[in-house]
Amino acid sequence: MNKIISILIILIAIEHICFLILEMFLWTKPKGIKVFGLKSKSFAEDTKILAANQGLYNGFLAAGLIFGLLSKNENTIIFFLICIITAGIYGAYSTKKIRLFYIQSVPSLLCLLFICIK
């Protein structure tokens, strides 16, 4: 696999590990509240279980990419990239925050494009 593609996959996996940390452990902390633009500390407390669940899913996405990279299984990588792209599109649509699309979907779209043209 191309080094550029491998580096992109690693960066996308790291990004999703960061999402896991923010959503599972920092959601109610000032950093999490600021990053996600939450209304208040009490809103963060009320939604922390949902955020932790979402963080866990982001961890699974990262794990899938890492597994695909280590096993050199391009189909696994493509599957998880498509999952991430879809999650980013839906997240941007459902929250009305287009920034989410650029942060989550665009890196995966670029990586998928590089895989397709290699």
PDB file of N, CA and C in Angstrom:
ATOM      1  N   MET A   1       0.844  -1.185   0.000  1.00  0.00           N
ATOM      2  CA  MET A   1       0.000   0.000   0.000  1.00  0.00           C
ATOM      3  C   MET A   1       0.885   1.242   0.000  1.00  0.00           C
ATOM      4  N   ASN A   2       0.489   2.222  -0.724  1.00  0.00           N
ATOM      5  CA  ASN A   2       1.187   3.481  -0.864  1.00  0.00           C
ATOM      6  C   ASN A   2       1.401   4.136   0.509  1.00  0.00           C
ATOM      7  N   LYS A   3       2.572   4.761   0.713  1.00  0.00           N
ATOM      8  CA  LYS A   3       2.881   5.395   1.996  1.00  0.00           C
ATOM      9  C   LYS A   3       1.938   6.555   2.295  1.00  0.00           C
ATOM     10  N   ILE A   4       1.579   7.323   1.272  1.00  0.00           N
ATOM     11  CA  ILE A   4       0.660   8.449   1.484  1.00  0.00           C
ATOM     12  C   ILE A   4      -0.686   7.939   1.991  1.00  0.00           C
ATOM     13  N   ILE A   5      -1.165   6.863   1.398  1.00  0.00           N
ATOM     14  CA  ILE A   5      -2.441   6.276   1.825  1.00  0.00           C
ATOM     15  C   ILE A   5      -2.329   5.780   3.266  1.00  0.00           C
ATOM     16  N   SER A   6      -1.242   5.107   3.580  1.00  0.00           N
ATOM     17  CA  SER A   6      -1.040   4.601   4.946  1.00  0.00           C
ATOM     18  C   SER A   6      -1.007   5.741   5.960  1.00  0.00           C
ATOM     19  N   ILE A   7      -0.331   6.827   5.614  1.00  0.00           N
ATOM     20  CA  ILE A   7      -0.258   7.984   6.515  1.00  0.00           C
ATOM     21  C   ILE A   7      -1.643   8.595   6.706  1.00  0.00           C
ATOM     22  N   LEU A   8      -2.396   8.725   5.622  1.00  0.00           N
ATOM     23  CA  LEU A   8      -3.761   9.251   5.731  1.00  0.00           C
ATOM     24  C   LEU A   8      -4.630   8.370   6.620  1.00  0.00           C
ATOM     25  N   ILE A   9      -4.512   7.066   6.455  1.00  0.00           N
ATOM     26  CA  ILE A   9      -5.299   6.136   7.276  1.00  0.00           C
ATOM     27  C   ILE A   9      -4.942   6.299   8.751  1.00  0.00           C
ATOM     28  N   ILE A  10      -3.653   6.404   9.033  1.00  0.00           N
ATOM     29  CA  ILE A  10      -3.205   6.589  10.421  1.00  0.00           C
ATOM     30  C   ILE A  10      -3.755   7.901  10.986  1.00  0.00           C
ATOM     31  N   LEU A  11      -3.693   8.974  10.197  1.00  0.00           N
ATOM     32  CA  LEU A  11      -4.204  10.268  10.670  1.00  0.00           C
ATOM     33  C   LEU A  11      -5.714  10.226  10.919  1.00  0.00           C
ATOM     34  N   ILE A  12      -6.442   9.564  10.041  1.00  0.00           N
ATOM     35  CA  ILE A  12      -7.893   9.436  10.222  1.00  0.00           C
ATOM     36  C   ILE A  12      -8.191   8.602  11.469  1.00  0.00           C
ATOM     37  N   ALA A  13      -7.433   7.533  11.684  1.00  0.00           N
ATOM     38  CA  ALA A  13      -7.625   6.712  12.888  1.00  0.00           C
ATOM     39  C   ALA A  13      -7.329   7.527  14.151  1.00  0.00           C
ATOM     40  N   ILE A  14      -6.248   8.301  14.125  1.00  0.00           N
ATOM     41  CA  ILE A  14      -5.912   9.150  15.275  1.00  0.00           C
ATOM     42  C   ILE A  14      -7.021  10.166  15.533  1.00  0.00           C
ATOM     43  N   GLU A  15      -7.555  10.748  14.458  1.00  0.00           N
ATOM     44  CA  GLU A  15      -8.657  11.699  14.587  1.00  0.00           C
ATOM     45  C   GLU A  15      -9.840  11.054  15.316  1.00  0.00           C
ATOM     46  N   HIS A  16     -10.150   9.808  14.959  1.00  0.00           N
ATOM     47  CA  HIS A  16     -11.295   9.138  15.585  1.00  0.00           C
ATOM     48  C   HIS A  16     -10.992   8.683  17.015  1.00  0.00           C
ATOM     49  N   ILE A  17      -9.751   8.422  17.310  1.00  0.00           N
ATOM     50  CA  ILE A  17      -9.363   8.147  18.701  1.00  0.00           C
ATOM     51  C   ILE A  17      -9.526   9.422  19.530  1.00  0.00           C
ATOM     52  N   CYS A  18      -9.186  10.562  18.932  1.00  0.00           N
ATOM     53  CA  CYS A  18      -9.398  11.842  19.621  1.00  0.00           C
ATOM     54  C   CYS A  18     -10.880  12.095  19.861  1.00  0.00           C
ATOM     55  N   PHE A  19     -11.716  11.772  18.864  1.00  0.00           N
ATOM     56  CA  PHE A  19     -13.166  11.895  19.059  1.00  0.00           C
ATOM     57  C   PHE A  19     -13.617  11.011  20.217  1.00  0.00           C
ATOM     58  N   LEU A  20     -13.103   9.785  20.266  1.00  0.00           N
ATOM     59  CA  LEU A  20     -13.433   8.857  21.362  1.00  0.00           C
ATOM     60  C   LEU A  20     -13.100   9.504  22.703  1.00  0.00           C
ATOM     61  N   ILE A  21     -11.911  10.045  22.832  1.00  0.00           N
ATOM     62  CA  ILE A  21     -11.477  10.654  24.098  1.00  0.00           C
ATOM     63  C   ILE A  21     -12.369  11.842  24.459  1.00  0.00           C
ATOM     64  N   LEU A  22     -12.623  12.701  23.470  1.00  0.00           N
ATOM     65  CA  LEU A  22     -13.472  13.867  23.729  1.00  0.00           C
ATOM     66  C   LEU A  22     -14.882  13.465  24.139  1.00  0.00           C
ATOM     67  N   GLU A  23     -15.452  12.506  23.437  1.00  0.00           N
ATOM     68  CA  GLU A  23     -16.842  12.139  23.687  1.00  0.00           C
ATOM     69  C   GLU A  23     -17.023  11.238  24.903  1.00  0.00           C
ATOM     70  N   MET A  24     -16.064  10.379  25.179  1.00  0.00           N
ATOM     71  CA  MET A  24     -16.223   9.454  26.305  1.00  0.00           C
ATOM     72  C   MET A  24     -15.711  10.020  27.627  1.00  0.00           C
ATOM     73  N   PHE A  25     -14.656  10.820  27.573  1.00  0.00           N
ATOM     74  CA  PHE A  25     -14.001  11.235  28.812  1.00  0.00           C
ATOM     75  C   PHE A  25     -14.003  12.738  29.070  1.00  0.00           C
ATOM     76  N   LEU A  26     -14.140  13.542  28.014  1.00  0.00           N
ATOM     77  CA  LEU A  26     -14.054  14.993  28.200  1.00  0.00           C
ATOM     78  C   LEU A  26     -15.346  15.732  27.890  1.00  0.00           C
ATOM     79  N   TRP A  27     -16.421  15.014  27.627  1.00  0.00           N
ATOM     80  CA  TRP A  27     -17.681  15.614  27.214  1.00  0.00           C
ATOM     81  C   TRP A  27     -18.167  16.668  28.210  1.00  0.00           C
ATOM     82  N   THR A  28     -18.074  16.391  29.495  1.00  0.00           N
ATOM     83  CA  THR A  28     -18.586  17.317  30.515  1.00  0.00           C
ATOM     84  C   THR A  28     -17.510  18.264  31.038  1.00  0.00           C
ATOM     85  N   LYS A  29     -16.311  18.141  30.534  1.00  0.00           N
ATOM     86  CA  LYS A  29     -15.199  19.012  30.943  1.00  0.00           C
ATOM     87  C   LYS A  29     -15.191  20.256  30.048  1.00  0.00           C
ATOM     88  N   PRO A  30     -14.541  21.321  30.498  1.00  0.00           N
ATOM     89  CA  PRO A  30     -14.513  22.553  29.694  1.00  0.00           C
ATOM     90  C   PRO A  30     -14.037  22.336  28.251  1.00  0.00           C
ATOM     91  N   LYS A  31     -13.048  21.471  28.054  1.00  0.00           N
ATOM     92  CA  LYS A  31     -12.535  21.208  26.705  1.00  0.00           C
ATOM     93  C   LYS A  31     -13.617  20.591  25.813  1.00  0.00           C
ATOM     94  N   GLY A  32     -14.315  19.592  26.307  1.00  0.00           N
ATOM     95  CA  GLY A  32     -15.369  18.950  25.541  1.00  0.00           C
ATOM     96  C   GLY A  32     -16.520  19.897  25.250  1.00  0.00           C
ATOM     97  N   ILE A  33     -16.912  20.668  26.262  1.00  0.00           N
ATOM     98  CA  ILE A  33     -18.000  21.622  26.088  1.00  0.00           C
ATOM     99  C   ILE A  33     -17.636  22.650  25.021  1.00  0.00           C
ATOM    100  N   LYS A  34     -16.386  23.112  25.042  1.00  0.00           N
ATOM    101  CA  LYS A  34     -15.937  24.102  24.057  1.00  0.00           C
ATOM    102  C   LYS A  34     -15.854  23.499  22.656  1.00  0.00           C
ATOM    103  N   VAL A  35     -15.211  22.337  22.526  1.00  0.00           N
ATOM    104  CA  VAL A  35     -15.024  21.718  21.212  1.00  0.00           C
ATOM    105  C   VAL A  35     -16.355  21.459  20.523  1.00  0.00           C
ATOM    106  N   PHE A  36     -17.325  20.968  21.267  1.00  0.00           N
ATOM    107  CA  PHE A  36     -18.608  20.610  20.676  1.00  0.00           C
ATOM    108  C   PHE A  36     -19.636  21.741  20.750  1.00  0.00           C
ATOM    109  N   GLY A  37     -19.250  22.875  21.323  1.00  0.00           N
ATOM    110  CA  GLY A  37     -20.158  24.018  21.387  1.00  0.00           C
ATOM    111  C   GLY A  37     -21.442  23.706  22.130  1.00  0.00           C
ATOM    112  N   LEU A  38     -21.309  22.994  23.239  1.00  0.00           N
ATOM    113  CA  LEU A  38     -22.487  22.606  24.014  1.00  0.00           C
ATOM    114  C   LEU A  38     -23.086  23.814  24.729  1.00  0.00           C
ATOM    115  N   LYS A  39     -24.385  23.783  24.938  1.00  0.00           N
ATOM    116  CA  LYS A  39     -25.122  24.912  25.509  1.00  0.00           C
ATOM    117  C   LYS A  39     -24.679  25.231  26.930  1.00  0.00           C
ATOM    118  N   SER A  40     -24.489  24.188  27.723  1.00  0.00           N
ATOM    119  CA  SER A  40     -24.160  24.396  29.130  1.00  0.00           C
ATOM    120  C   SER A  40     -23.579  23.116  29.726  1.00  0.00           C
ATOM    121  N   LYS A  41     -23.047  23.266  30.916  1.00  0.00           N
ATOM    122  CA  LYS A  41     -22.526  22.109  31.650  1.00  0.00           C
ATOM    123  C   LYS A  41     -23.662  21.130  31.956  1.00  0.00           C
ATOM    124  N   SER A  42     -24.831  21.642  32.300  1.00  0.00           N
ATOM    125  CA  SER A  42     -25.944  20.747  32.618  1.00  0.00           C
ATOM    126  C   SER A  42     -26.410  19.985  31.373  1.00  0.00           C
ATOM    127  N   PHE A  43     -26.380  20.643  30.205  1.00  0.00           N
ATOM    128  CA  PHE A  43     -26.712  19.937  28.963  1.00  0.00           C
ATOM    129  C   PHE A  43     -25.696  18.825  28.705  1.00  0.00           C
ATOM    130  N   ALA A  44     -24.423  19.129  28.949  1.00  0.00           N
ATOM    131  CA  ALA A  44     -23.370  18.121  28.782  1.00  0.00           C
ATOM    132  C   ALA A  44     -23.611  16.940  29.723  1.00  0.00           C
ATOM    133  N   GLU A  45     -23.973  17.226  30.959  1.00  0.00           N
ATOM    134  CA  GLU A  45     -24.251  16.154  31.927  1.00  0.00           C
ATOM    135  C   GLU A  45     -25.446  15.312  31.482  1.00  0.00           C
ATOM    136  N   ASP A  46     -26.477  15.964  30.973  1.00  0.00           N
ATOM    137  CA  ASP A  46     -27.682  15.258  30.540  1.00  0.00           C
ATOM    138  C   ASP A  46     -27.438  14.365  29.326  1.00  0.00           C
ATOM    139  N   THR A  47     -26.445  14.704  28.528  1.00  0.00           N
ATOM    140  CA  THR A  47     -26.201  13.969  27.276  1.00  0.00           C
ATOM    141  C   THR A  47     -24.922  13.142  27.292  1.00  0.00           C
ATOM    142  N   LYS A  48     -24.275  13.028  28.441  1.00  0.00           N
ATOM    143  CA  LYS A  48     -22.970  12.355  28.471  1.00  0.00           C
ATOM    144  C   LYS A  48     -23.038  10.869  28.111  1.00  0.00           C
ATOM    145  N   ILE A  49     -24.123  10.187  28.417  1.00  0.00           N
ATOM    146  CA  ILE A  49     -24.248   8.771  28.056  1.00  0.00           C
ATOM    147  C   ILE A  49     -24.343   8.621  26.543  1.00  0.00           C
ATOM    148  N   LEU A  50     -25.118   9.486  25.907  1.00  0.00           N
ATOM    149  CA  LEU A  50     -25.220   9.457  24.441  1.00  0.00           C
ATOM    150  C   LEU A  50     -23.861   9.751  23.801  1.00  0.00           C
ATOM    151  N   ALA A  51     -23.165  10.740  24.350  1.00  0.00           N
ATOM    152  CA  ALA A  51     -21.854  11.100  23.806  1.00  0.00           C
ATOM    153  C   ALA A  51     -20.850   9.955  23.980  1.00  0.00           C
ATOM    154  N   ALA A  52     -20.890   9.294  25.130  1.00  0.00           N
ATOM    155  CA  ALA A  52     -19.981   8.171  25.366  1.00  0.00           C
ATOM    156  C   ALA A  52     -20.241   7.047  24.371  1.00  0.00           C
ATOM    157  N   ASN A  53     -21.494   6.794  24.081  1.00  0.00           N
ATOM    158  CA  ASN A  53     -21.857   5.777  23.108  1.00  0.00           C
ATOM    159  C   ASN A  53     -21.312   6.149  21.723  1.00  0.00           C
ATOM    160  N   GLN A  54     -21.474   7.393  21.368  1.00  0.00           N
ATOM    161  CA  GLN A  54     -20.956   7.887  20.089  1.00  0.00           C
ATOM    162  C   GLN A  54     -19.432   7.786  20.055  1.00  0.00           C
ATOM    163  N   GLY A  55     -18.787   8.091  21.163  1.00  0.00           N
ATOM    164  CA  GLY A  55     -17.334   7.979  21.247  1.00  0.00           C
ATOM    165  C   GLY A  55     -16.867   6.549  21.047  1.00  0.00           C
ATOM    166  N   LEU A  56     -17.610   5.618  21.613  1.00  0.00           N
ATOM    167  CA  LEU A  56     -17.264   4.208  21.449  1.00  0.00           C
ATOM    168  C   LEU A  56     -17.320   3.812  19.975  1.00  0.00           C
ATOM    169  N   TYR A  57     -18.347   4.271  19.272  1.00  0.00           N
ATOM    170  CA  TYR A  57     -18.453   3.982  17.837  1.00  0.00           C
ATOM    171  C   TYR A  57     -17.264   4.563  17.065  1.00  0.00           C
ATOM    172  N   ASN A  58     -16.850   5.769  17.450  1.00  0.00           N
ATOM    173  CA  ASN A  58     -15.678   6.355  16.795  1.00  0.00           C
ATOM    174  C   ASN A  58     -14.427   5.517  17.056  1.00  0.00           C
ATOM    175  N   GLY A  59     -14.354   4.941  18.239  1.00  0.00           N
ATOM    176  CA  GLY A  59     -13.237   4.040  18.541  1.00  0.00           C
ATOM    177  C   GLY A  59     -13.260   2.801  17.660  1.00  0.00           C
ATOM    178  N   PHE A  60     -14.449   2.271  17.414  1.00  0.00           N
ATOM    179  CA  PHE A  60     -14.563   1.112  16.526  1.00  0.00           C
ATOM    180  C   PHE A  60     -14.154   1.466  15.097  1.00  0.00           C
ATOM    181  N   LEU A  61     -14.489   2.669  14.653  1.00  0.00           N
ATOM    182  CA  LEU A  61     -14.071   3.095  13.314  1.00  0.00           C
ATOM    183  C   LEU A  61     -12.546   3.159  13.232  1.00  0.00           C
ATOM    184  N   ALA A  62     -11.921   3.722  14.250  1.00  0.00           N
ATOM    185  CA  ALA A  62     -10.457   3.778  14.288  1.00  0.00           C
ATOM    186  C   ALA A  62      -9.867   2.373  14.317  1.00  0.00           C
ATOM    187  N   ALA A  63     -10.437   1.510  15.132  1.00  0.00           N
ATOM    188  CA  ALA A  63      -9.940   0.130  15.228  1.00  0.00           C
ATOM    189  C   ALA A  63     -10.060  -0.590  13.889  1.00  0.00           C
ATOM    190  N   GLY A  64     -11.157  -0.367  13.185  1.00  0.00           N
ATOM    191  CA  GLY A  64     -11.336  -0.996  11.878  1.00  0.00           C
ATOM    192  C   GLY A  64     -10.281  -0.553  10.885  1.00  0.00           C
ATOM    193  N   LEU A  65      -9.975   0.742  10.882  1.00  0.00           N
ATOM    194  CA  LEU A  65      -8.934   1.239   9.979  1.00  0.00           C
ATOM    195  C   LEU A  65      -7.567   0.668  10.338  1.00  0.00           C
ATOM    196  N   ILE A  66      -7.276   0.631  11.623  1.00  0.00           N
ATOM    197  CA  ILE A  66      -5.982   0.090  12.064  1.00  0.00           C
ATOM    198  C   ILE A  66      -5.884  -1.392  11.722  1.00  0.00           C
ATOM    199  N   PHE A  67      -6.954  -2.138  11.964  1.00  0.00           N
ATOM    200  CA  PHE A  67      -6.978  -3.556  11.611  1.00  0.00           C
ATOM    201  C   PHE A  67      -6.748  -3.740  10.110  1.00  0.00           C
ATOM    202  N   GLY A  68      -7.449  -2.956   9.296  1.00  0.00           N
ATOM    203  CA  GLY A  68      -7.291  -3.052   7.848  1.00  0.00           C
ATOM    204  C   GLY A  68      -5.876  -2.737   7.404  1.00  0.00           C
ATOM    205  N   LEU A  69      -5.275  -1.743   8.035  1.00  0.00           N
ATOM    206  CA  LEU A  69      -3.902  -1.360   7.688  1.00  0.00           C
ATOM    207  C   LEU A  69      -2.909  -2.452   8.085  1.00  0.00           C
ATOM    208  N   LEU A  70      -3.052  -2.966   9.299  1.00  0.00           N
ATOM    209  CA  LEU A  70      -2.118  -3.999   9.777  1.00  0.00           C
ATOM    210  C   LEU A  70      -2.274  -5.316   9.018  1.00  0.00           C
ATOM    211  N   SER A  71      -3.491  -5.630   8.629  1.00  0.00           N
ATOM    212  CA  SER A  71      -3.726  -6.876   7.903  1.00  0.00           C
ATOM    213  C   SER A  71      -3.564  -6.695   6.386  1.00  0.00           C
ATOM    214  N   LYS A  72      -3.289  -5.435   5.993  1.00  0.00           N
ATOM    215  CA  LYS A  72      -3.131  -5.107   4.570  1.00  0.00           C
ATOM    216  C   LYS A  72      -4.365  -5.507   3.757  1.00  0.00           C
ATOM    217  N   ASN A  73      -5.530  -5.333   4.367  1.00  0.00           N
ATOM    218  CA  ASN A  73      -6.788  -5.690   3.721  1.00  0.00           C
ATOM    219  C   ASN A  73      -7.465  -4.414   3.217  1.00  0.00           C
ATOM    220  N   GLU A  74      -7.296  -4.164   1.941  1.00  0.00           N
ATOM    221  CA  GLU A  74      -7.827  -2.943   1.337  1.00  0.00           C
ATOM    222  C   GLU A  74      -9.346  -2.874   1.413  1.00  0.00           C
ATOM    223  N   ASN A  75     -10.015  -4.006   1.292  1.00  0.00           N
ATOM    224  CA  ASN A  75     -11.482  -4.009   1.366  1.00  0.00           C
ATOM    225  C   ASN A  75     -11.975  -3.568   2.743  1.00  0.00           C
ATOM    226  N   THR A  76     -11.279  -3.977   3.783  1.00  0.00           N
ATOM    227  CA  THR A  76     -11.639  -3.556   5.143  1.00  0.00           C
ATOM    228  C   THR A  76     -11.455  -2.051   5.282  1.00  0.00           C
ATOM    229  N   ILE A  77     -10.362  -1.551   4.772  1.00  0.00           N
ATOM    230  CA  ILE A  77     -10.085  -0.113   4.838  1.00  0.00           C
ATOM    231  C   ILE A  77     -11.167   0.661   4.092  1.00  0.00           C
ATOM    232  N   ILE A  78     -11.499   0.221   2.898  1.00  0.00           N
ATOM    233  CA  ILE A  78     -12.529   0.887   2.100  1.00  0.00           C
ATOM    234  C   ILE A  78     -13.869   0.879   2.831  1.00  0.00           C
ATOM    235  N   PHE A  79     -14.224  -0.250   3.422  1.00  0.00           N
ATOM    236  CA  PHE A  79     -15.482  -0.343   4.166  1.00  0.00           C
ATOM    237  C   PHE A  79     -15.524   0.693   5.285  1.00  0.00           C
ATOM    238  N   PHE A  80     -14.457   0.776   6.097  1.00  0.00           N
ATOM    239  CA  PHE A  80     -14.468   1.706   7.217  1.00  0.00           C
ATOM    240  C   PHE A  80     -14.383   3.155   6.762  1.00  0.00           C
ATOM    241  N   LEU A  81     -13.693   3.423   5.669  1.00  0.00           N
ATOM    242  CA  LEU A  81     -13.677   4.781   5.125  1.00  0.00           C
ATOM    243  C   LEU A  81     -15.086   5.199   4.688  1.00  0.00           C
ATOM    244  N   ILE A  82     -15.794   4.291   4.046  1.00  0.00           N
ATOM    245  CA  ILE A  82     -17.169   4.593   3.625  1.00  0.00           C
ATOM    246  C   ILE A  82     -18.070   4.810   4.845  1.00  0.00           C
ATOM    247  N   CYS A  83     -17.868   4.025   5.893  1.00  0.00           N
ATOM    248  CA  CYS A  83     -18.635   4.229   7.136  1.00  0.00           C
ATOM    249  C   CYS A  83     -18.367   5.623   7.702  1.00  0.00           C
ATOM    250  N   ILE A  84     -17.118   6.037   7.714  1.00  0.00           N
ATOM    251  CA  ILE A  84     -16.753   7.349   8.249  1.00  0.00           C
ATOM    252  C   ILE A  84     -17.328   8.466   7.384  1.00  0.00           C
ATOM    253  N   ILE A  85     -17.244   8.311   6.068  1.00  0.00           N
ATOM    254  CA  ILE A  85     -17.803   9.310   5.157  1.00  0.00           C
ATOM    255  C   ILE A  85     -19.303   9.459   5.405  1.00  0.00           C
ATOM    256  N   THR A  86     -19.980   8.332   5.514  1.00  0.00           N
ATOM    257  CA  THR A  86     -21.425   8.341   5.749  1.00  0.00           C
ATOM    258  C   THR A  86     -21.761   9.001   7.086  1.00  0.00           C
ATOM    259  N   ALA A  87     -21.008   8.662   8.126  1.00  0.00           N
ATOM    260  CA  ALA A  87     -21.238   9.262   9.447  1.00  0.00           C
ATOM    261  C   ALA A  87     -21.030  10.773   9.404  1.00  0.00           C
ATOM    262  N   GLY A  88     -20.018  11.222   8.687  1.00  0.00           N
ATOM    263  CA  GLY A  88     -19.757  12.654   8.566  1.00  0.00           C
ATOM    264  C   GLY A  88     -20.849  13.384   7.805  1.00  0.00           C
ATOM    265  N   ILE A  89     -21.331  12.762   6.740  1.00  0.00           N
ATOM    266  CA  ILE A  89     -22.425  13.368   5.967  1.00  0.00           C
ATOM    267  C   ILE A  89     -23.685  13.465   6.826  1.00  0.00           C
ATOM    268  N   TYR A  90     -24.030  12.370   7.481  1.00  0.00           N
ATOM    269  CA  TYR A  90     -25.230  12.375   8.313  1.00  0.00           C
ATOM    270  C   TYR A  90     -25.078  13.341   9.499  1.00  0.00           C
ATOM    271  N   GLY A  91     -23.913  13.353  10.101  1.00  0.00           N
ATOM    272  CA  GLY A  91     -23.681  14.258  11.227  1.00  0.00           C
ATOM    273  C   GLY A  91     -23.816  15.713  10.825  1.00  0.00           C
ATOM    274  N   ALA A  92     -23.253  16.063   9.680  1.00  0.00           N
ATOM    275  CA  ALA A  92     -23.362  17.446   9.194  1.00  0.00           C
ATOM    276  C   ALA A  92     -24.812  17.788   8.878  1.00  0.00           C
ATOM    277  N   TYR A  93     -25.519  16.856   8.269  1.00  0.00           N
ATOM    278  CA  TYR A  93     -26.928  17.074   7.923  1.00  0.00           C
ATOM    279  C   TYR A  93     -27.790  17.210   9.187  1.00  0.00           C
ATOM    280  N   SER A  94     -27.616  16.285  10.114  1.00  0.00           N
ATOM    281  CA  SER A  94     -28.502  16.255  11.287  1.00  0.00           C
ATOM    282  C   SER A  94     -28.224  17.375  12.276  1.00  0.00           C
ATOM    283  N   THR A  95     -26.992  17.852  12.337  1.00  0.00           N
ATOM    284  CA  THR A  95     -26.665  18.935  13.270  1.00  0.00           C
ATOM    285  C   THR A  95     -26.668  20.304  12.600  1.00  0.00           C
ATOM    286  N   LYS A  96     -26.779  20.302  11.283  1.00  0.00           N
ATOM    287  CA  LYS A  96     -26.731  21.547  10.491  1.00  0.00           C
ATOM    288  C   LYS A  96     -25.386  22.251  10.647  1.00  0.00           C
ATOM    289  N   LYS A  97     -24.325  21.463  10.909  1.00  0.00           N
ATOM    290  CA  LYS A  97     -22.971  22.010  11.048  1.00  0.00           C
ATOM    291  C   LYS A  97     -22.105  21.417   9.945  1.00  0.00           C
ATOM    292  N   ILE A  98     -21.946  22.170   8.863  1.00  0.00           N
ATOM    293  CA  ILE A  98     -21.191  21.697   7.701  1.00  0.00           C
ATOM    294  C   ILE A  98     -19.726  21.417   8.068  1.00  0.00           C
ATOM    295  N   ARG A  99     -19.244  22.095   9.096  1.00  0.00           N
ATOM    296  CA  ARG A  99     -17.862  21.887   9.559  1.00  0.00           C
ATOM    297  C   ARG A  99     -17.603  20.413   9.872  1.00  0.00           C
ATOM    298  N   LEU A 100     -18.619  19.738  10.381  1.00  0.00           N
ATOM    299  CA  LEU A 100     -18.508  18.317  10.696  1.00  0.00           C
ATOM    300  C   LEU A 100     -18.152  17.506   9.445  1.00  0.00           C
ATOM    301  N   PHE A 101     -18.749  17.862   8.329  1.00  0.00           N
ATOM    302  CA  PHE A 101     -18.446  17.178   7.064  1.00  0.00           C
ATOM    303  C   PHE A 101     -16.975  17.344   6.708  1.00  0.00           C
ATOM    304  N   TYR A 102     -16.469  18.558   6.834  1.00  0.00           N
ATOM    305  CA  TYR A 102     -15.077  18.808   6.473  1.00  0.00           C
ATOM    306  C   TYR A 102     -14.094  18.115   7.410  1.00  0.00           C
ATOM    307  N   ILE A 103     -14.434  18.059   8.677  1.00  0.00           N
ATOM    308  CA  ILE A 103     -13.542  17.438   9.660  1.00  0.00           C
ATOM    309  C   ILE A 103     -13.544  15.922   9.536  1.00  0.00           C
ATOM    310  N   GLN A 104     -14.718  15.323   9.340  1.00  0.00           N
ATOM    311  CA  GLN A 104     -14.814  13.867   9.369  1.00  0.00           C
ATOM    312  C   GLN A 104     -14.807  13.234   7.982  1.00  0.00           C
ATOM    313  N   SER A 105     -15.588  13.755   7.065  1.00  0.00           N
ATOM    314  CA  SER A 105     -15.746  13.080   5.775  1.00  0.00           C
ATOM    315  C   SER A 105     -14.629  13.382   4.770  1.00  0.00           C
ATOM    316  N   VAL A 106     -14.197  14.630   4.710  1.00  0.00           N
ATOM    317  CA  VAL A 106     -13.242  15.004   3.667  1.00  0.00           C
ATOM    318  C   VAL A 106     -11.926  14.217   3.739  1.00  0.00           C
ATOM    319  N   PRO A 107     -11.305  14.055   4.918  1.00  0.00           N
ATOM    320  CA  PRO A 107     -10.071  13.247   4.937  1.00  0.00           C
ATOM    321  C   PRO A 107     -10.304  11.810   4.437  1.00  0.00           C
ATOM    322  N   SER A 108     -11.436  11.231   4.806  1.00  0.00           N
ATOM    323  CA  SER A 108     -11.743   9.870   4.363  1.00  0.00           C
ATOM    324  C   SER A 108     -12.040   9.828   2.865  1.00  0.00           C
ATOM    325  N   LEU A 109     -12.702  10.846   2.353  1.00  0.00           N
ATOM    326  CA  LEU A 109     -12.948  10.934   0.913  1.00  0.00           C
ATOM    327  C   LEU A 109     -11.635  11.023   0.134  1.00  0.00           C
ATOM    328  N   LEU A 110     -10.710  11.843   0.638  1.00  0.00           N
ATOM    329  CA  LEU A 110      -9.399  11.956  -0.011  1.00  0.00           C
ATOM    330  C   LEU A 110      -8.653  10.631  -0.002  1.00  0.00           C
ATOM    331  N   CYS A 111      -8.678   9.986   1.122  1.00  0.00           N
ATOM    332  CA  CYS A 111      -8.005   8.691   1.241  1.00  0.00           C
ATOM    333  C   CYS A 111      -8.630   7.677   0.285  1.00  0.00           C
ATOM    334  N   LEU A 112      -9.938   7.637   0.229  1.00  0.00           N
ATOM    335  CA  LEU A 112     -10.637   6.718  -0.677  1.00  0.00           C
ATOM    336  C   LEU A 112     -10.299   7.032  -2.137  1.00  0.00           C
ATOM    337  N   LEU A 113     -10.231   8.317  -2.445  1.00  0.00           N
ATOM    338  CA  LEU A 113      -9.846   8.730  -3.800  1.00  0.00           C
ATOM    339  C   LEU A 113      -8.435   8.238  -4.133  1.00  0.00           C
ATOM    340  N   PHE A 114      -7.491   8.408  -3.212  1.00  0.00           N
ATOM    341  CA  PHE A 114      -6.114   7.932  -3.445  1.00  0.00           C
ATOM    342  C   PHE A 114      -6.076   6.411  -3.633  1.00  0.00           C
ATOM    343  N   ILE A 115      -6.877   5.693  -2.872  1.00  0.00           N
ATOM    344  CA  ILE A 115      -6.932   4.239  -3.029  1.00  0.00           C
ATOM    345  C   ILE A 115      -7.456   3.878  -4.414  1.00  0.00           C
ATOM    346  N   CYS A 116      -8.470   4.593  -4.863  1.00  0.00           N
ATOM    347  CA  CYS A 116      -9.082   4.291  -6.164  1.00  0.00           C
ATOM    348  C   CYS A 116      -8.179   4.617  -7.349  1.00  0.00           C
ATOM    349  N   ILE A 117      -7.329   5.630  -7.211  1.00  0.00           N
ATOM    350  CA  ILE A 117      -6.481   6.029  -8.343  1.00  0.00           C
ATOM    351  C   ILE A 117      -5.071   5.451  -8.293  1.00  0.00           C
ATOM    352  N   LYS A 118      -4.752   4.715  -7.249  1.00  0.00           N
ATOM    353  CA  LYS A 118      -3.383   4.158  -7.146  1.00  0.00           C
ATOM    354  C   LYS A 118      -3.111   3.089  -8.186  1.00  0.00           C
TER     355      LYS A 118
END
